[in-house]
N, C-alpha and C. Protein backbone atom coordinates (compact mmCIF):
# COMPACT_ATOMS: atom_id res chain seq x y z
N MET A 1 -7.20 37.23 8.09
CA MET A 1 -8.08 36.94 6.99
C MET A 1 -9.47 37.51 7.29
N THR A 2 -10.01 38.12 6.31
CA THR A 2 -11.42 38.60 6.43
C THR A 2 -12.34 37.71 5.68
N MET A 3 -13.64 37.93 5.95
CA MET A 3 -14.64 37.10 5.24
C MET A 3 -14.78 37.43 3.77
N THR A 4 -14.04 38.46 3.27
CA THR A 4 -14.04 38.80 1.87
C THR A 4 -12.72 38.35 1.27
N ASP A 5 -11.89 37.56 1.93
CA ASP A 5 -10.65 37.11 1.40
C ASP A 5 -10.95 36.25 0.16
N SER A 6 -10.11 36.46 -0.89
CA SER A 6 -10.40 35.73 -2.17
C SER A 6 -10.19 34.26 -2.08
N ARG A 7 -9.49 33.75 -0.98
CA ARG A 7 -9.29 32.32 -0.80
C ARG A 7 -10.53 31.62 -0.28
N ILE A 8 -11.53 32.35 0.21
CA ILE A 8 -12.70 31.66 0.75
C ILE A 8 -13.52 31.10 -0.32
N LEU A 9 -13.95 29.77 -0.20
CA LEU A 9 -14.76 29.11 -1.16
C LEU A 9 -16.16 29.68 -1.16
N ASP A 10 -16.82 29.70 -2.29
CA ASP A 10 -18.16 30.16 -2.31
C ASP A 10 -19.10 29.19 -1.67
N ASP A 11 -20.37 29.60 -1.50
CA ASP A 11 -21.40 28.74 -0.74
C ASP A 11 -21.61 27.39 -1.46
N ARG A 12 -21.58 27.43 -2.85
CA ARG A 12 -21.77 26.20 -3.53
C ARG A 12 -20.71 25.09 -3.13
N ALA A 13 -19.48 25.59 -3.11
CA ALA A 13 -18.33 24.67 -2.83
C ALA A 13 -18.50 24.20 -1.38
N LEU A 14 -18.86 25.11 -0.43
CA LEU A 14 -18.95 24.75 0.96
C LEU A 14 -20.10 23.71 1.10
N ASP A 15 -21.21 23.89 0.36
CA ASP A 15 -22.32 22.96 0.46
C ASP A 15 -21.85 21.58 -0.07
N ILE A 16 -21.04 21.52 -1.11
CA ILE A 16 -20.59 20.25 -1.62
C ILE A 16 -19.64 19.54 -0.63
N LEU A 17 -18.77 20.24 -0.03
CA LEU A 17 -17.83 19.68 0.86
C LEU A 17 -18.35 19.38 2.23
N PHE A 18 -19.24 20.16 2.79
CA PHE A 18 -19.79 20.11 4.14
C PHE A 18 -21.27 20.06 4.32
N ARG A 19 -21.89 21.22 4.03
CA ARG A 19 -23.30 21.43 4.48
C ARG A 19 -24.27 20.48 3.81
N GLU A 20 -24.10 20.12 2.60
CA GLU A 20 -25.07 19.20 1.91
C GLU A 20 -24.48 17.83 1.70
N ALA A 21 -23.23 17.65 2.10
CA ALA A 21 -22.54 16.33 1.92
C ALA A 21 -23.19 15.29 2.88
N ARG A 22 -23.41 14.14 2.43
CA ARG A 22 -24.06 13.08 3.27
C ARG A 22 -23.29 11.77 3.12
N SER A 23 -23.49 10.87 4.01
CA SER A 23 -22.93 9.49 3.96
C SER A 23 -24.02 8.62 3.30
N TYR A 24 -23.68 8.09 2.11
CA TYR A 24 -24.64 7.38 1.33
C TYR A 24 -24.67 5.89 1.57
N ASN A 25 -25.83 5.29 1.52
CA ASN A 25 -25.97 3.86 1.67
C ASN A 25 -26.39 3.13 0.35
N GLY A 26 -26.60 3.83 -0.72
CA GLY A 26 -26.97 3.31 -1.99
C GLY A 26 -26.49 4.22 -3.07
N TRP A 27 -26.37 3.61 -4.28
CA TRP A 27 -25.60 4.22 -5.37
C TRP A 27 -26.31 4.15 -6.72
N LYS A 28 -26.13 5.18 -7.48
CA LYS A 28 -26.54 5.17 -8.85
C LYS A 28 -25.66 4.16 -9.68
N ASP A 29 -26.20 3.67 -10.75
CA ASP A 29 -25.49 2.70 -11.59
C ASP A 29 -24.55 3.46 -12.56
N GLU A 30 -23.58 4.18 -11.98
CA GLU A 30 -22.58 4.97 -12.77
C GLU A 30 -21.20 4.63 -12.30
N PRO A 31 -20.32 4.28 -13.28
CA PRO A 31 -18.94 3.88 -12.93
C PRO A 31 -18.11 5.07 -12.49
N VAL A 32 -17.04 4.74 -11.73
CA VAL A 32 -15.97 5.61 -11.37
C VAL A 32 -14.75 5.25 -12.06
N SER A 33 -14.17 6.14 -12.94
CA SER A 33 -13.04 5.74 -13.81
C SER A 33 -11.72 5.71 -12.96
N ASP A 34 -10.81 4.94 -13.45
CA ASP A 34 -9.47 4.89 -12.88
C ASP A 34 -8.84 6.28 -12.94
N VAL A 35 -9.11 7.05 -14.00
CA VAL A 35 -8.50 8.33 -14.16
C VAL A 35 -8.97 9.22 -13.00
N LEU A 36 -10.21 9.14 -12.56
CA LEU A 36 -10.78 9.83 -11.52
C LEU A 36 -10.11 9.41 -10.13
N LEU A 37 -9.85 8.14 -10.05
CA LEU A 37 -9.22 7.67 -8.76
C LEU A 37 -7.79 8.23 -8.68
N HIS A 38 -7.07 8.27 -9.75
CA HIS A 38 -5.76 8.85 -9.74
C HIS A 38 -5.82 10.34 -9.44
N ALA A 39 -6.79 11.03 -9.97
CA ALA A 39 -6.99 12.50 -9.63
C ALA A 39 -7.26 12.65 -8.18
N LEU A 40 -8.05 11.74 -7.64
CA LEU A 40 -8.44 11.77 -6.19
C LEU A 40 -7.21 11.62 -5.37
N PHE A 41 -6.32 10.69 -5.74
CA PHE A 41 -5.11 10.51 -4.91
C PHE A 41 -4.22 11.74 -4.99
N ASP A 42 -4.16 12.24 -6.18
CA ASP A 42 -3.21 13.47 -6.41
C ASP A 42 -3.68 14.68 -5.65
N LEU A 43 -4.98 14.72 -5.28
CA LEU A 43 -5.47 15.77 -4.40
C LEU A 43 -5.20 15.39 -2.92
N LEU A 44 -5.55 14.29 -2.54
CA LEU A 44 -5.52 13.94 -1.07
C LEU A 44 -4.03 13.86 -0.55
N LYS A 45 -3.09 13.54 -1.44
CA LYS A 45 -1.70 13.45 -1.01
C LYS A 45 -1.12 14.79 -0.62
N MET A 46 -1.78 15.87 -1.01
CA MET A 46 -1.28 17.15 -0.70
C MET A 46 -1.67 17.66 0.72
N GLY A 47 -2.55 16.90 1.37
CA GLY A 47 -2.91 17.26 2.72
C GLY A 47 -1.74 17.10 3.73
N PRO A 48 -1.61 17.88 4.71
CA PRO A 48 -0.45 17.81 5.63
C PRO A 48 -0.44 16.53 6.52
N THR A 49 0.74 16.02 6.72
CA THR A 49 0.95 14.93 7.69
C THR A 49 2.28 15.25 8.44
N SER A 50 2.41 14.67 9.66
CA SER A 50 3.55 14.98 10.45
C SER A 50 4.81 14.55 9.68
N ALA A 51 5.78 15.43 9.52
CA ALA A 51 7.06 15.20 8.83
C ALA A 51 6.81 14.65 7.40
N ASN A 52 5.65 15.03 6.87
CA ASN A 52 5.28 14.54 5.50
C ASN A 52 5.25 13.03 5.48
N SER A 53 4.93 12.38 6.62
CA SER A 53 5.06 10.95 6.75
C SER A 53 4.16 10.14 5.84
N SER A 54 2.97 10.69 5.54
CA SER A 54 2.12 10.01 4.51
C SER A 54 1.91 8.56 4.81
N PRO A 55 1.54 8.13 5.93
CA PRO A 55 1.48 6.67 6.27
C PRO A 55 0.25 5.96 5.65
N ALA A 56 -0.69 6.58 5.14
CA ALA A 56 -1.92 5.94 4.68
C ALA A 56 -1.61 5.06 3.41
N ARG A 57 -2.25 3.95 3.39
CA ARG A 57 -2.13 3.05 2.20
C ARG A 57 -3.58 2.80 1.75
N PHE A 58 -3.83 2.77 0.51
CA PHE A 58 -5.15 2.63 -0.05
C PHE A 58 -5.31 1.52 -1.05
N VAL A 59 -6.33 0.73 -0.91
CA VAL A 59 -6.72 -0.23 -1.95
C VAL A 59 -8.10 0.13 -2.49
N PHE A 60 -8.24 0.36 -3.78
CA PHE A 60 -9.43 0.67 -4.35
C PHE A 60 -10.11 -0.60 -4.90
N VAL A 61 -11.16 -1.02 -4.25
CA VAL A 61 -11.77 -2.31 -4.56
C VAL A 61 -12.94 -1.98 -5.62
N LYS A 62 -12.64 -2.48 -6.86
CA LYS A 62 -13.51 -2.04 -7.96
C LYS A 62 -14.05 -3.20 -8.74
N THR A 63 -13.27 -4.24 -8.96
CA THR A 63 -13.71 -5.30 -9.86
C THR A 63 -14.66 -6.23 -9.12
N PRO A 64 -15.55 -6.93 -9.82
CA PRO A 64 -16.35 -7.88 -9.20
C PRO A 64 -15.66 -8.94 -8.35
N GLU A 65 -14.47 -9.35 -8.90
CA GLU A 65 -13.74 -10.41 -8.15
C GLU A 65 -13.21 -9.84 -6.88
N ALA A 66 -12.73 -8.61 -6.85
CA ALA A 66 -12.23 -7.99 -5.61
C ALA A 66 -13.34 -7.79 -4.62
N LYS A 67 -14.53 -7.38 -5.12
CA LYS A 67 -15.71 -7.15 -4.22
C LYS A 67 -16.09 -8.46 -3.54
N GLU A 68 -15.99 -9.62 -4.30
CA GLU A 68 -16.29 -10.87 -3.65
C GLU A 68 -15.26 -11.28 -2.64
N ARG A 69 -14.04 -10.86 -2.78
CA ARG A 69 -13.07 -11.09 -1.70
C ARG A 69 -13.30 -10.25 -0.54
N LEU A 70 -13.91 -9.02 -0.70
CA LEU A 70 -14.16 -8.17 0.43
C LEU A 70 -15.41 -8.56 1.20
N LYS A 71 -16.42 -9.15 0.47
CA LYS A 71 -17.64 -9.38 1.01
C LYS A 71 -17.70 -10.22 2.32
N PRO A 72 -16.89 -11.24 2.50
CA PRO A 72 -16.86 -11.99 3.73
C PRO A 72 -16.24 -11.18 4.90
N CYS A 73 -15.64 -10.05 4.66
CA CYS A 73 -15.01 -9.24 5.73
C CYS A 73 -15.97 -8.20 6.32
N LEU A 74 -17.18 -8.07 5.69
CA LEU A 74 -18.07 -7.00 6.04
C LEU A 74 -19.11 -7.46 7.07
N ASP A 75 -19.50 -6.50 7.96
CA ASP A 75 -20.68 -6.83 8.80
C ASP A 75 -21.89 -6.84 7.92
N ALA A 76 -22.89 -7.57 8.35
CA ALA A 76 -24.10 -7.85 7.50
C ALA A 76 -24.75 -6.57 7.01
N GLY A 77 -24.80 -5.56 7.83
CA GLY A 77 -25.53 -4.33 7.50
C GLY A 77 -24.79 -3.51 6.45
N ASN A 78 -23.47 -3.85 6.12
CA ASN A 78 -22.73 -3.08 5.16
C ASN A 78 -22.52 -3.79 3.81
N VAL A 79 -23.03 -5.02 3.73
CA VAL A 79 -22.83 -5.85 2.49
C VAL A 79 -23.41 -5.17 1.32
N LYS A 80 -24.67 -4.91 1.34
CA LYS A 80 -25.40 -4.39 0.20
C LYS A 80 -24.83 -3.05 -0.37
N LYS A 81 -24.57 -2.15 0.56
CA LYS A 81 -24.12 -0.82 0.12
C LYS A 81 -22.66 -0.90 -0.43
N THR A 82 -21.88 -1.88 0.09
CA THR A 82 -20.59 -2.02 -0.35
C THR A 82 -20.51 -2.72 -1.71
N MET A 83 -21.29 -3.77 -1.87
CA MET A 83 -21.33 -4.54 -3.09
C MET A 83 -21.88 -3.77 -4.28
N THR A 84 -22.77 -2.80 -4.01
CA THR A 84 -23.37 -2.06 -5.08
C THR A 84 -22.65 -0.77 -5.39
N ALA A 85 -21.62 -0.35 -4.53
CA ALA A 85 -20.87 0.84 -4.73
C ALA A 85 -19.88 0.58 -5.94
N PRO A 86 -19.71 1.57 -6.72
CA PRO A 86 -18.75 1.41 -7.87
C PRO A 86 -17.28 1.07 -7.33
N VAL A 87 -16.97 1.71 -6.22
CA VAL A 87 -15.56 1.52 -5.64
C VAL A 87 -15.75 1.58 -4.11
N THR A 88 -14.98 0.76 -3.44
CA THR A 88 -14.83 0.89 -2.01
C THR A 88 -13.28 0.93 -1.71
N VAL A 89 -12.96 1.98 -0.98
CA VAL A 89 -11.52 2.18 -0.63
C VAL A 89 -11.25 1.61 0.74
N LEU A 90 -10.21 0.80 0.76
CA LEU A 90 -9.70 0.29 2.06
C LEU A 90 -8.61 1.22 2.55
N ILE A 91 -8.75 1.81 3.74
CA ILE A 91 -7.77 2.80 4.18
C ILE A 91 -7.06 2.24 5.33
N ALA A 92 -5.76 2.12 5.14
CA ALA A 92 -4.88 1.53 6.18
C ALA A 92 -3.74 2.47 6.42
N HIS A 93 -2.99 2.17 7.46
CA HIS A 93 -1.72 3.02 7.69
C HIS A 93 -0.52 1.99 7.89
N ASP A 94 0.57 2.40 7.30
CA ASP A 94 1.80 1.64 7.31
C ASP A 94 2.60 1.87 8.60
N ARG A 95 2.87 0.79 9.27
CA ARG A 95 3.73 0.91 10.54
C ARG A 95 5.14 1.13 10.17
N LYS A 96 5.56 0.95 8.99
CA LYS A 96 6.93 1.18 8.59
C LYS A 96 7.09 2.45 7.82
N PHE A 97 6.18 3.33 7.98
CA PHE A 97 6.18 4.59 7.22
C PHE A 97 7.45 5.40 7.35
N TYR A 98 8.16 5.21 8.48
CA TYR A 98 9.35 5.99 8.70
C TYR A 98 10.50 5.56 7.85
N ASP A 99 10.46 4.40 7.19
CA ASP A 99 11.48 4.01 6.30
C ASP A 99 11.44 4.82 5.03
N HIS A 100 10.34 5.52 4.80
CA HIS A 100 10.23 6.41 3.55
C HIS A 100 10.56 7.82 3.88
N LEU A 101 10.88 8.12 5.10
CA LEU A 101 11.15 9.57 5.47
C LEU A 101 12.43 10.15 4.76
N PRO A 102 13.47 9.34 4.56
CA PRO A 102 14.57 9.91 3.85
C PRO A 102 14.20 10.49 2.45
N ARG A 103 13.19 9.91 1.84
CA ARG A 103 12.62 10.41 0.56
C ARG A 103 11.64 11.53 0.80
N LEU A 104 10.79 11.43 1.84
CA LEU A 104 9.62 12.32 1.86
C LEU A 104 9.98 13.54 2.74
N PHE A 105 10.99 13.39 3.59
CA PHE A 105 11.37 14.50 4.50
C PHE A 105 12.88 14.62 4.58
N PRO A 106 13.54 14.87 3.42
CA PRO A 106 14.97 14.67 3.24
C PRO A 106 15.90 15.66 3.92
N HIS A 107 15.41 16.73 4.40
CA HIS A 107 16.29 17.73 4.97
C HIS A 107 16.87 17.48 6.33
N THR A 108 16.36 16.41 6.96
CA THR A 108 16.86 16.03 8.31
C THR A 108 16.70 14.53 8.49
N ASP A 109 17.28 13.93 9.46
CA ASP A 109 17.20 12.49 9.70
C ASP A 109 15.91 12.20 10.50
N ALA A 110 14.78 12.33 9.90
CA ALA A 110 13.49 12.10 10.60
C ALA A 110 13.26 10.66 10.88
N ARG A 111 13.88 9.77 10.12
CA ARG A 111 13.63 8.35 10.40
C ARG A 111 14.07 8.03 11.84
N SER A 112 15.16 8.63 12.34
CA SER A 112 15.63 8.29 13.66
C SER A 112 14.72 8.76 14.75
N TRP A 113 13.72 9.63 14.45
CA TRP A 113 12.73 10.05 15.43
C TRP A 113 11.78 8.90 15.78
N PHE A 114 11.69 7.95 14.88
CA PHE A 114 10.70 6.92 15.04
C PHE A 114 11.22 5.50 15.22
N ALA A 115 12.31 5.18 14.56
CA ALA A 115 12.85 3.82 14.60
C ALA A 115 13.15 3.32 16.05
N GLY A 116 12.46 2.26 16.37
CA GLY A 116 12.61 1.70 17.68
C GLY A 116 11.67 2.22 18.76
N ASN A 117 10.92 3.24 18.42
CA ASN A 117 9.91 3.85 19.34
C ASN A 117 8.53 3.40 18.95
N ASP A 118 8.07 2.24 19.40
CA ASP A 118 6.84 1.69 18.92
C ASP A 118 5.62 2.53 19.25
N ALA A 119 5.65 3.12 20.43
CA ALA A 119 4.48 3.99 20.79
C ALA A 119 4.35 5.19 19.94
N LYS A 120 5.49 5.85 19.58
CA LYS A 120 5.46 6.95 18.64
C LYS A 120 5.09 6.53 17.25
N ILE A 121 5.59 5.42 16.78
CA ILE A 121 5.24 4.88 15.48
C ILE A 121 3.74 4.70 15.36
N GLU A 122 3.15 3.99 16.35
CA GLU A 122 1.75 3.67 16.33
C GLU A 122 0.84 4.95 16.36
N SER A 123 1.17 5.91 17.27
CA SER A 123 0.35 7.05 17.33
C SER A 123 0.43 7.93 16.12
N THR A 124 1.65 8.05 15.56
CA THR A 124 1.85 8.87 14.40
C THR A 124 1.22 8.28 13.14
N ALA A 125 1.34 6.99 13.03
CA ALA A 125 0.74 6.29 11.87
C ALA A 125 -0.76 6.36 11.88
N ARG A 126 -1.35 6.09 13.08
CA ARG A 126 -2.76 6.17 13.21
C ARG A 126 -3.36 7.55 13.02
N ARG A 127 -2.76 8.52 13.64
CA ARG A 127 -3.28 9.88 13.58
C ARG A 127 -3.18 10.38 12.12
N ASN A 128 -2.11 10.23 11.51
CA ASN A 128 -1.86 10.85 10.17
C ASN A 128 -2.52 10.00 9.09
N GLY A 129 -2.59 8.65 9.29
CA GLY A 129 -3.36 7.87 8.35
C GLY A 129 -4.83 8.19 8.39
N THR A 130 -5.36 8.41 9.61
CA THR A 130 -6.76 8.88 9.71
C THR A 130 -6.95 10.24 9.00
N LEU A 131 -6.08 11.18 9.18
CA LEU A 131 -6.18 12.41 8.51
C LEU A 131 -6.22 12.21 7.03
N GLN A 132 -5.36 11.33 6.50
CA GLN A 132 -5.36 11.13 5.06
C GLN A 132 -6.65 10.47 4.61
N GLY A 133 -7.28 9.61 5.48
CA GLY A 133 -8.56 9.14 5.08
C GLY A 133 -9.58 10.22 4.98
N ALA A 134 -9.50 11.20 5.86
CA ALA A 134 -10.45 12.33 5.80
C ALA A 134 -10.18 13.15 4.59
N TYR A 135 -8.90 13.32 4.22
CA TYR A 135 -8.49 14.08 3.03
C TYR A 135 -9.13 13.38 1.82
N LEU A 136 -9.04 12.09 1.81
CA LEU A 136 -9.62 11.31 0.71
C LEU A 136 -11.10 11.68 0.52
N MET A 137 -11.90 11.67 1.60
CA MET A 137 -13.31 11.96 1.52
C MET A 137 -13.51 13.36 0.97
N MET A 138 -12.78 14.35 1.46
CA MET A 138 -12.95 15.71 0.97
C MET A 138 -12.53 15.86 -0.51
N ALA A 139 -11.49 15.20 -0.85
CA ALA A 139 -11.05 15.21 -2.33
C ALA A 139 -12.10 14.57 -3.17
N ALA A 140 -12.69 13.45 -2.67
CA ALA A 140 -13.74 12.78 -3.45
C ALA A 140 -14.96 13.73 -3.64
N ARG A 141 -15.36 14.35 -2.62
CA ARG A 141 -16.48 15.31 -2.77
C ARG A 141 -16.14 16.47 -3.70
N ALA A 142 -14.92 16.93 -3.62
CA ALA A 142 -14.46 18.06 -4.46
C ALA A 142 -14.55 17.65 -5.95
N LEU A 143 -14.37 16.35 -6.15
CA LEU A 143 -14.32 15.87 -7.59
C LEU A 143 -15.67 15.29 -8.05
N GLY A 144 -16.73 15.56 -7.30
CA GLY A 144 -18.04 15.15 -7.63
C GLY A 144 -18.53 13.81 -7.18
N LEU A 145 -17.79 13.13 -6.36
CA LEU A 145 -18.10 11.81 -5.84
C LEU A 145 -18.82 11.95 -4.54
N ASP A 146 -19.62 10.97 -4.19
CA ASP A 146 -20.20 10.87 -2.89
C ASP A 146 -19.48 9.75 -2.07
N CYS A 147 -19.60 9.80 -0.74
CA CYS A 147 -18.93 8.89 0.10
C CYS A 147 -19.83 8.14 1.04
N GLY A 148 -19.36 6.95 1.42
CA GLY A 148 -20.10 6.12 2.34
C GLY A 148 -19.09 5.46 3.32
N PRO A 149 -18.51 6.29 4.22
CA PRO A 149 -17.56 5.74 5.15
C PRO A 149 -18.17 4.79 6.13
N MET A 150 -17.43 3.77 6.54
CA MET A 150 -17.95 2.82 7.51
C MET A 150 -16.84 2.10 8.25
N SER A 151 -17.24 1.64 9.45
CA SER A 151 -16.27 0.88 10.24
C SER A 151 -16.81 -0.53 10.61
N GLY A 152 -17.91 -0.91 9.99
CA GLY A 152 -18.55 -2.27 10.21
C GLY A 152 -17.85 -3.27 9.39
N PHE A 153 -16.70 -3.75 9.77
CA PHE A 153 -15.98 -4.80 9.03
C PHE A 153 -15.02 -5.46 9.94
N ASN A 154 -14.43 -6.56 9.52
CA ASN A 154 -13.45 -7.27 10.25
C ASN A 154 -12.04 -6.84 9.77
N ALA A 155 -11.41 -6.03 10.48
CA ALA A 155 -10.10 -5.42 10.02
C ALA A 155 -9.03 -6.52 9.78
N ASP A 156 -9.01 -7.57 10.64
CA ASP A 156 -8.02 -8.63 10.45
C ASP A 156 -8.25 -9.39 9.18
N LYS A 157 -9.47 -9.62 8.81
CA LYS A 157 -9.82 -10.25 7.54
C LYS A 157 -9.42 -9.40 6.32
N VAL A 158 -9.74 -8.13 6.44
CA VAL A 158 -9.36 -7.19 5.36
C VAL A 158 -7.81 -7.23 5.20
N LYS A 159 -7.11 -7.14 6.25
CA LYS A 159 -5.66 -7.09 6.19
C LYS A 159 -5.11 -8.34 5.53
N ALA A 160 -5.67 -9.54 6.01
CA ALA A 160 -5.16 -10.82 5.48
C ALA A 160 -5.50 -10.95 3.95
N GLU A 161 -6.57 -10.35 3.53
CA GLU A 161 -7.02 -10.55 2.10
C GLU A 161 -6.37 -9.53 1.22
N PHE A 162 -6.10 -8.28 1.64
CA PHE A 162 -5.72 -7.27 0.78
C PHE A 162 -4.35 -6.63 1.08
N PHE A 163 -3.79 -6.87 2.31
CA PHE A 163 -2.58 -6.29 2.69
C PHE A 163 -1.59 -7.30 3.34
N ALA A 164 -1.71 -8.54 2.88
CA ALA A 164 -1.01 -9.66 3.51
C ALA A 164 0.49 -9.42 3.59
N ASP A 165 1.00 -8.81 2.61
CA ASP A 165 2.47 -8.62 2.51
C ASP A 165 2.94 -7.31 3.09
N GLN A 166 2.09 -6.56 3.83
CA GLN A 166 2.51 -5.26 4.33
C GLN A 166 2.23 -5.19 5.87
N ASP A 167 3.05 -4.46 6.62
CA ASP A 167 2.88 -4.21 8.01
C ASP A 167 1.99 -3.03 8.17
N VAL A 168 0.66 -3.20 8.08
CA VAL A 168 -0.27 -2.15 8.14
C VAL A 168 -1.41 -2.49 9.16
N GLU A 169 -2.12 -1.43 9.56
CA GLU A 169 -3.33 -1.63 10.30
C GLU A 169 -4.47 -1.02 9.51
N VAL A 170 -5.55 -1.76 9.29
CA VAL A 170 -6.63 -1.27 8.53
C VAL A 170 -7.49 -0.37 9.45
N ASN A 171 -7.84 0.82 8.96
CA ASN A 171 -8.43 1.86 9.82
C ASN A 171 -9.95 1.89 9.58
N PHE A 172 -10.37 2.26 8.34
CA PHE A 172 -11.77 2.24 7.98
C PHE A 172 -11.90 2.05 6.46
N ILE A 173 -13.11 1.87 5.95
CA ILE A 173 -13.40 1.74 4.62
C ILE A 173 -14.39 2.77 4.15
N CYS A 174 -14.41 3.08 2.85
CA CYS A 174 -15.25 4.09 2.34
C CYS A 174 -15.70 3.80 0.94
N ALA A 175 -17.00 3.61 0.81
CA ALA A 175 -17.56 3.45 -0.57
C ALA A 175 -17.61 4.76 -1.29
N LEU A 176 -17.32 4.67 -2.62
CA LEU A 176 -17.30 5.89 -3.46
C LEU A 176 -18.20 5.70 -4.69
N GLY A 177 -18.83 6.71 -5.13
CA GLY A 177 -19.64 6.70 -6.30
C GLY A 177 -20.54 7.89 -6.34
N TYR A 178 -21.70 7.68 -7.07
CA TYR A 178 -22.66 8.80 -7.16
C TYR A 178 -23.86 8.34 -6.40
N GLY A 179 -24.08 8.97 -5.22
CA GLY A 179 -25.09 8.51 -4.27
C GLY A 179 -26.50 8.59 -4.79
N ASP A 180 -27.30 7.62 -4.30
CA ASP A 180 -28.74 7.62 -4.56
C ASP A 180 -29.40 8.37 -3.39
N PRO A 181 -30.01 9.50 -3.67
CA PRO A 181 -30.63 10.26 -2.52
C PRO A 181 -31.68 9.49 -1.71
N ALA A 182 -32.27 8.50 -2.35
CA ALA A 182 -33.27 7.72 -1.64
C ALA A 182 -32.64 6.80 -0.56
N SER A 183 -31.38 6.70 -0.60
CA SER A 183 -30.70 5.80 0.38
C SER A 183 -30.24 6.45 1.69
N ILE A 184 -30.47 7.76 1.80
CA ILE A 184 -30.00 8.47 3.00
C ILE A 184 -31.14 8.80 3.96
N PHE A 185 -30.84 8.93 5.21
CA PHE A 185 -31.79 9.29 6.29
C PHE A 185 -31.77 10.88 6.34
N GLY A 186 -32.73 11.39 7.10
CA GLY A 186 -32.72 12.78 7.46
C GLY A 186 -31.41 13.14 8.17
N ARG A 187 -31.03 14.36 7.97
CA ARG A 187 -29.77 14.87 8.60
C ARG A 187 -29.85 14.79 10.13
N SER A 188 -28.90 14.14 10.75
CA SER A 188 -28.87 14.01 12.24
C SER A 188 -28.43 15.36 12.80
N PRO A 189 -28.78 15.57 14.11
CA PRO A 189 -28.43 16.85 14.75
C PRO A 189 -26.91 17.00 14.88
N ARG A 190 -26.51 18.19 14.91
CA ARG A 190 -25.05 18.54 15.26
C ARG A 190 -24.96 19.47 16.47
N PHE A 191 -23.87 19.39 17.13
CA PHE A 191 -23.62 20.34 18.26
C PHE A 191 -23.59 21.71 17.81
N ASP A 192 -23.93 22.66 18.63
CA ASP A 192 -23.64 24.06 18.48
C ASP A 192 -22.24 24.35 19.05
N PHE A 193 -21.70 25.46 18.63
CA PHE A 193 -20.31 25.86 18.96
C PHE A 193 -20.18 25.76 20.49
N ASP A 194 -21.02 26.42 21.26
CA ASP A 194 -20.90 26.45 22.71
C ASP A 194 -20.95 25.12 23.37
N ASP A 195 -21.59 24.12 22.74
CA ASP A 195 -21.68 22.84 23.34
C ASP A 195 -20.31 22.15 23.49
N VAL A 196 -19.42 22.34 22.55
CA VAL A 196 -18.21 21.55 22.47
C VAL A 196 -16.95 22.37 22.27
N CYS A 197 -17.06 23.72 22.10
CA CYS A 197 -15.98 24.52 21.89
C CYS A 197 -15.72 25.58 22.91
N LYS A 198 -14.50 26.01 23.00
CA LYS A 198 -14.16 27.06 23.98
C LYS A 198 -13.03 27.90 23.35
N ILE A 199 -13.09 29.20 23.45
CA ILE A 199 -12.05 30.08 23.02
C ILE A 199 -11.35 30.64 24.22
N VAL A 200 -10.08 30.46 24.39
CA VAL A 200 -9.34 30.78 25.59
C VAL A 200 -8.20 31.78 25.27
């Protein structure tokens, strides 16, 4: 691939996805439609996962009633930005993801790779569920939304409140909406290539 390859996104798209994208702490008073949330999922689900395992499970907390259920699960510093966000996504991964492999990866018996192997189940679910959470953020930005990912919450409480009937582990949460620029800090430093990368 060359830098003139027609598949390369233009600078504006790269700014939206990466260079100018920020983690927001406050939100404009603009709703996020259910139609947009469906479009968001239809994008993120196309990201690759091991054996197409797709272990992530999402709850989109949107109604005032659901927000009140989430509120006691949050660390104090995350309450305001979560309660004022139009939507907050709870991102978990299903420990029984392998039961769906006959449907999602039908050309071989992939279920047998995992059944009974707790260590492989856990690492695969966590790794690929985290990937899907990242795909969610990129899809949200691609659709014009801003993100406020966070890990300051009680995962056990979130599981009990929103995933009580599922064998999942809650990974992280992410507020979605149209960010208020006044709510963000200056851009923090990033590593240079040579600080953390090696070509061998």
